[in-house]
Amino acid sequence: MYYVVMTDKFMSGGGRSKGKINKLILPCATYEEAIVVAQNAKDRPEMKYINIASKKPYYSPNRYMVSWHERGDYRTWYRTDRPFKKQKVGGGGVRAT
């Protein structure tokens, strides 16, 4: 079992995370799956400090708001087609003169 761990900068410090750092943890069955999830996390600008852990992570509830999400809850994060990657607009085509 592997765990992809990241800090959600958008959710940190507000709402239920007031005064805390919001950590998102996504368990993965294989290392290859963890690499896919980590790459998808890197494609999201609000996710920082993305790591793959081989041991179940623990964060102090005094400092962190931890959210665990299973594959069924966050299916898009496990997709191999990089669903969060921003597509380049324009460029590379034929220009009219």
N, C-alpha and C. Protein backbone atom coordinates (compact mmCIF):
# COMPACT_ATOMS: atom_id res chain seq x y z
N MET A 1 0.85 -1.17 0.00
CA MET A 1 0.00 0.00 0.00
C MET A 1 0.89 1.24 0.00
N TYR A 2 0.51 2.21 -0.81
CA TYR A 2 1.21 3.50 -0.88
C TYR A 2 0.19 4.61 -0.65
N TYR A 3 0.70 5.75 -0.26
CA TYR A 3 -0.15 6.90 0.03
C TYR A 3 0.41 8.13 -0.66
N VAL A 4 -0.44 8.83 -1.41
CA VAL A 4 -0.04 10.10 -1.99
C VAL A 4 -0.55 11.17 -1.04
N VAL A 5 0.40 11.97 -0.54
CA VAL A 5 0.11 12.97 0.47
C VAL A 5 0.41 14.34 -0.11
N MET A 6 -0.49 15.30 0.13
CA MET A 6 -0.27 16.65 -0.40
C MET A 6 -0.93 17.68 0.50
N THR A 7 -0.49 18.91 0.37
CA THR A 7 -1.10 20.04 1.08
C THR A 7 -2.02 20.75 0.11
N ASP A 8 -3.26 20.95 0.54
CA ASP A 8 -4.23 21.69 -0.26
C ASP A 8 -4.18 23.15 0.20
N LYS A 9 -3.48 23.98 -0.58
CA LYS A 9 -3.30 25.39 -0.20
C LYS A 9 -4.62 26.17 -0.21
N PHE A 10 -5.54 25.78 -1.09
CA PHE A 10 -6.82 26.48 -1.18
C PHE A 10 -7.66 26.27 0.07
N MET A 11 -7.69 25.04 0.58
CA MET A 11 -8.52 24.71 1.74
C MET A 11 -7.83 24.97 3.08
N SER A 12 -6.53 25.19 3.07
CA SER A 12 -5.80 25.40 4.32
C SER A 12 -6.14 26.76 4.93
N GLY A 13 -6.32 26.76 6.25
CA GLY A 13 -6.50 28.00 6.99
C GLY A 13 -7.92 28.53 7.07
N GLY A 14 -8.87 27.94 6.37
CA GLY A 14 -10.24 28.45 6.40
C GLY A 14 -11.25 27.34 6.63
N GLY A 15 -12.48 27.72 6.93
CA GLY A 15 -13.55 26.74 7.15
C GLY A 15 -13.21 25.77 8.26
N ARG A 16 -13.37 24.47 8.01
CA ARG A 16 -13.04 23.46 9.01
C ARG A 16 -11.54 23.39 9.29
N SER A 17 -10.74 23.98 8.38
CA SER A 17 -9.28 23.96 8.53
C SER A 17 -8.75 25.25 9.16
N LYS A 18 -9.62 26.03 9.78
CA LYS A 18 -9.20 27.32 10.33
C LYS A 18 -8.00 27.16 11.25
N GLY A 19 -6.91 27.85 10.88
CA GLY A 19 -5.68 27.80 11.67
C GLY A 19 -4.87 26.53 11.48
N LYS A 20 -5.26 25.69 10.52
CA LYS A 20 -4.56 24.42 10.30
C LYS A 20 -4.15 24.28 8.84
N ILE A 21 -3.26 23.36 8.61
CA ILE A 21 -2.82 23.00 7.26
C ILE A 21 -3.68 21.82 6.81
N ASN A 22 -4.28 21.94 5.62
CA ASN A 22 -5.15 20.89 5.11
C ASN A 22 -4.33 19.89 4.30
N LYS A 23 -4.29 18.65 4.77
CA LYS A 23 -3.58 17.57 4.09
C LYS A 23 -4.60 16.64 3.44
N LEU A 24 -4.34 16.29 2.20
CA LEU A 24 -5.17 15.36 1.46
C LEU A 24 -4.35 14.08 1.27
N ILE A 25 -4.94 12.93 1.58
CA ILE A 25 -4.25 11.65 1.47
C ILE A 25 -5.08 10.71 0.62
N LEU A 26 -4.44 10.17 -0.44
CA LEU A 26 -5.10 9.24 -1.34
C LEU A 26 -4.33 7.91 -1.33
N PRO A 27 -4.91 6.84 -0.79
CA PRO A 27 -4.25 5.54 -0.78
C PRO A 27 -4.21 4.93 -2.18
N CYS A 28 -3.14 4.21 -2.46
CA CYS A 28 -2.94 3.56 -3.76
C CYS A 28 -2.50 2.12 -3.54
N ALA A 29 -2.97 1.24 -4.41
CA ALA A 29 -2.65 -0.19 -4.29
C ALA A 29 -1.22 -0.50 -4.72
N THR A 30 -0.69 0.25 -5.69
CA THR A 30 0.65 -0.02 -6.20
C THR A 30 1.43 1.28 -6.31
N TYR A 31 2.74 1.15 -6.44
CA TYR A 31 3.59 2.32 -6.61
C TYR A 31 3.28 3.02 -7.93
N GLU A 32 3.00 2.24 -8.97
CA GLU A 32 2.67 2.80 -10.28
C GLU A 32 1.41 3.65 -10.20
N GLU A 33 0.42 3.17 -9.47
CA GLU A 33 -0.81 3.93 -9.27
C GLU A 33 -0.53 5.22 -8.49
N ALA A 34 0.34 5.13 -7.51
CA ALA A 34 0.72 6.32 -6.73
C ALA A 34 1.40 7.36 -7.61
N ILE A 35 2.20 6.93 -8.56
CA ILE A 35 2.85 7.87 -9.48
C ILE A 35 1.80 8.60 -10.31
N VAL A 36 0.78 7.88 -10.78
CA VAL A 36 -0.30 8.50 -11.56
C VAL A 36 -1.02 9.55 -10.71
N VAL A 37 -1.38 9.18 -9.48
CA VAL A 37 -2.10 10.10 -8.60
C VAL A 37 -1.23 11.32 -8.28
N ALA A 38 0.05 11.11 -8.02
CA ALA A 38 0.95 12.23 -7.71
C ALA A 38 1.08 13.17 -8.92
N GLN A 39 1.16 12.61 -10.12
CA GLN A 39 1.25 13.46 -11.32
C GLN A 39 -0.03 14.28 -11.49
N ASN A 40 -1.17 13.66 -11.25
CA ASN A 40 -2.43 14.40 -11.34
C ASN A 40 -2.49 15.50 -10.29
N ALA A 41 -1.96 15.24 -9.11
CA ALA A 41 -1.91 16.27 -8.06
C ALA A 41 -1.01 17.43 -8.49
N LYS A 42 0.10 17.13 -9.14
CA LYS A 42 1.02 18.17 -9.60
C LYS A 42 0.38 19.06 -10.67
N ASP A 43 -0.61 18.53 -11.38
CA ASP A 43 -1.32 19.30 -12.40
C ASP A 43 -2.34 20.27 -11.81
N ARG A 44 -2.57 20.18 -10.52
CA ARG A 44 -3.52 21.08 -9.86
C ARG A 44 -2.74 22.16 -9.10
N PRO A 45 -2.95 23.42 -9.42
CA PRO A 45 -2.15 24.49 -8.83
C PRO A 45 -2.32 24.66 -7.32
N GLU A 46 -3.44 24.22 -6.75
CA GLU A 46 -3.65 24.40 -5.32
C GLU A 46 -2.97 23.31 -4.48
N MET A 47 -2.44 22.29 -5.12
CA MET A 47 -1.77 21.20 -4.39
C MET A 47 -0.27 21.44 -4.33
N LYS A 48 0.28 21.39 -3.13
CA LYS A 48 1.71 21.63 -2.90
C LYS A 48 2.27 20.49 -2.06
N TYR A 49 3.58 20.39 -2.03
CA TYR A 49 4.30 19.41 -1.18
C TYR A 49 3.75 17.99 -1.38
N ILE A 50 3.77 17.53 -2.62
CA ILE A 50 3.21 16.24 -3.00
C ILE A 50 4.28 15.16 -2.81
N ASN A 51 3.92 14.12 -2.04
CA ASN A 51 4.86 13.04 -1.75
C ASN A 51 4.15 11.69 -1.83
N ILE A 52 4.95 10.66 -2.07
CA ILE A 52 4.46 9.28 -2.02
C ILE A 52 5.09 8.63 -0.79
N ALA A 53 4.24 8.08 0.07
CA ALA A 53 4.71 7.43 1.30
C ALA A 53 4.39 5.94 1.24
N SER A 54 5.31 5.12 1.75
CA SER A 54 5.08 3.68 1.79
C SER A 54 4.51 3.24 3.14
N LYS A 55 4.49 4.14 4.11
CA LYS A 55 3.91 3.86 5.42
C LYS A 55 2.72 4.79 5.62
N LYS A 56 1.73 4.33 6.35
CA LYS A 56 0.53 5.13 6.60
C LYS A 56 0.92 6.42 7.33
N PRO A 57 0.64 7.57 6.72
CA PRO A 57 1.05 8.83 7.33
C PRO A 57 0.20 9.21 8.54
N TYR A 58 0.82 9.93 9.44
CA TYR A 58 0.13 10.47 10.61
C TYR A 58 0.48 11.94 10.73
N TYR A 59 -0.54 12.76 10.99
CA TYR A 59 -0.34 14.19 11.22
C TYR A 59 -1.10 14.58 12.48
N SER A 60 -0.48 15.41 13.30
CA SER A 60 -1.10 15.85 14.54
C SER A 60 -2.38 16.63 14.25
N PRO A 61 -3.48 16.25 14.88
CA PRO A 61 -4.74 16.97 14.66
C PRO A 61 -4.71 18.40 15.20
N ASN A 62 -3.73 18.72 16.01
CA ASN A 62 -3.60 20.09 16.52
C ASN A 62 -3.12 21.06 15.45
N ARG A 63 -2.39 20.53 14.47
CA ARG A 63 -1.80 21.39 13.44
C ARG A 63 -2.36 21.13 12.04
N TYR A 64 -2.93 19.95 11.82
CA TYR A 64 -3.36 19.56 10.49
C TYR A 64 -4.83 19.12 10.46
N MET A 65 -5.49 19.45 9.37
CA MET A 65 -6.81 18.91 9.04
C MET A 65 -6.56 17.88 7.95
N VAL A 66 -6.76 16.62 8.25
CA VAL A 66 -6.42 15.55 7.32
C VAL A 66 -7.70 15.00 6.68
N SER A 67 -7.68 14.89 5.35
CA SER A 67 -8.79 14.33 4.59
C SER A 67 -8.31 13.08 3.87
N TRP A 68 -8.91 11.94 4.21
CA TRP A 68 -8.60 10.68 3.53
C TRP A 68 -9.67 10.45 2.48
N HIS A 69 -9.26 10.10 1.27
CA HIS A 69 -10.21 9.85 0.19
C HIS A 69 -9.84 8.56 -0.53
N GLU A 70 -10.82 7.73 -0.72
CA GLU A 70 -10.62 6.45 -1.41
C GLU A 70 -10.80 6.62 -2.92
N ARG A 71 -10.37 5.63 -3.64
CA ARG A 71 -10.48 5.64 -5.10
C ARG A 71 -11.92 5.89 -5.56
N GLY A 72 -12.87 5.30 -4.91
CA GLY A 72 -14.28 5.47 -5.29
C GLY A 72 -14.78 6.90 -5.13
N ASP A 73 -14.21 7.63 -4.17
CA ASP A 73 -14.61 9.03 -3.93
C ASP A 73 -13.94 9.98 -4.92
N TYR A 74 -12.72 9.68 -5.29
CA TYR A 74 -11.90 10.58 -6.11
C TYR A 74 -11.41 9.87 -7.36
N ARG A 75 -12.31 9.27 -8.11
CA ARG A 75 -11.94 8.47 -9.29
C ARG A 75 -11.06 9.23 -10.28
N THR A 76 -11.36 10.49 -10.49
CA THR A 76 -10.63 11.28 -11.48
C THR A 76 -9.14 11.35 -11.15
N TRP A 77 -8.79 11.38 -9.87
CA TRP A 77 -7.40 11.48 -9.45
C TRP A 77 -6.58 10.25 -9.86
N TYR A 78 -7.25 9.12 -10.11
CA TYR A 78 -6.57 7.86 -10.44
C TYR A 78 -6.51 7.60 -11.95
N ARG A 79 -7.04 8.51 -12.74
CA ARG A 79 -7.03 8.34 -14.19
C ARG A 79 -5.64 8.58 -14.77
N THR A 80 -5.29 7.81 -15.81
CA THR A 80 -3.96 7.92 -16.41
C THR A 80 -3.89 8.95 -17.53
N ASP A 81 -5.01 9.55 -17.92
CA ASP A 81 -5.01 10.51 -19.03
C ASP A 81 -4.77 11.96 -18.58
N ARG A 82 -4.32 12.16 -17.37
CA ARG A 82 -3.99 13.47 -16.80
C ARG A 82 -5.15 14.46 -16.95
N PRO A 83 -6.27 14.18 -16.28
CA PRO A 83 -7.49 14.98 -16.45
C PRO A 83 -7.38 16.42 -15.98
N PHE A 84 -6.40 16.75 -15.13
CA PHE A 84 -6.28 18.10 -14.60
C PHE A 84 -5.26 18.95 -15.36
N LYS A 85 -4.57 18.35 -16.31
CA LYS A 85 -3.54 19.08 -17.05
C LYS A 85 -4.20 20.14 -17.92
N LYS A 86 -3.69 21.35 -17.82
CA LYS A 86 -4.22 22.44 -18.64
C LYS A 86 -3.76 22.24 -20.08
N GLN A 87 -4.68 22.39 -20.97
CA GLN A 87 -4.38 22.26 -22.39
C GLN A 87 -3.92 23.61 -22.93
N LYS A 88 -2.94 23.59 -23.80
CA LYS A 88 -2.49 24.82 -24.43
C LYS A 88 -3.55 25.25 -25.44
N VAL A 89 -3.82 26.54 -25.46
CA VAL A 89 -4.80 27.08 -26.38
C VAL A 89 -4.08 27.74 -27.53
N GLY A 90 -4.51 27.41 -28.74
CA GLY A 90 -3.94 28.04 -29.93
C GLY A 90 -2.51 27.58 -30.19
N GLY A 91 -1.84 28.26 -31.10
CA GLY A 91 -0.45 27.95 -31.42
C GLY A 91 -0.31 26.68 -32.23
N GLY A 92 0.74 26.61 -32.99
CA GLY A 92 1.05 25.41 -33.72
C GLY A 92 0.25 25.18 -34.98
N GLY A 93 -0.75 25.98 -35.23
CA GLY A 93 -1.59 25.80 -36.41
C GLY A 93 -1.10 26.66 -37.57
N VAL A 94 -1.84 26.62 -38.65
CA VAL A 94 -1.54 27.43 -39.83
C VAL A 94 -2.15 28.80 -39.65
N ARG A 95 -1.37 29.84 -39.87
CA ARG A 95 -1.88 31.21 -39.74
C ARG A 95 -2.28 31.75 -41.10
N ALA A 96 -3.38 32.46 -41.09
CA ALA A 96 -3.81 33.12 -42.34
C ALA A 96 -2.97 34.37 -42.54
N THR A 97 -2.58 34.63 -43.76
CA THR A 97 -1.78 35.82 -44.04
C THR A 97 -2.47 36.74 -44.99
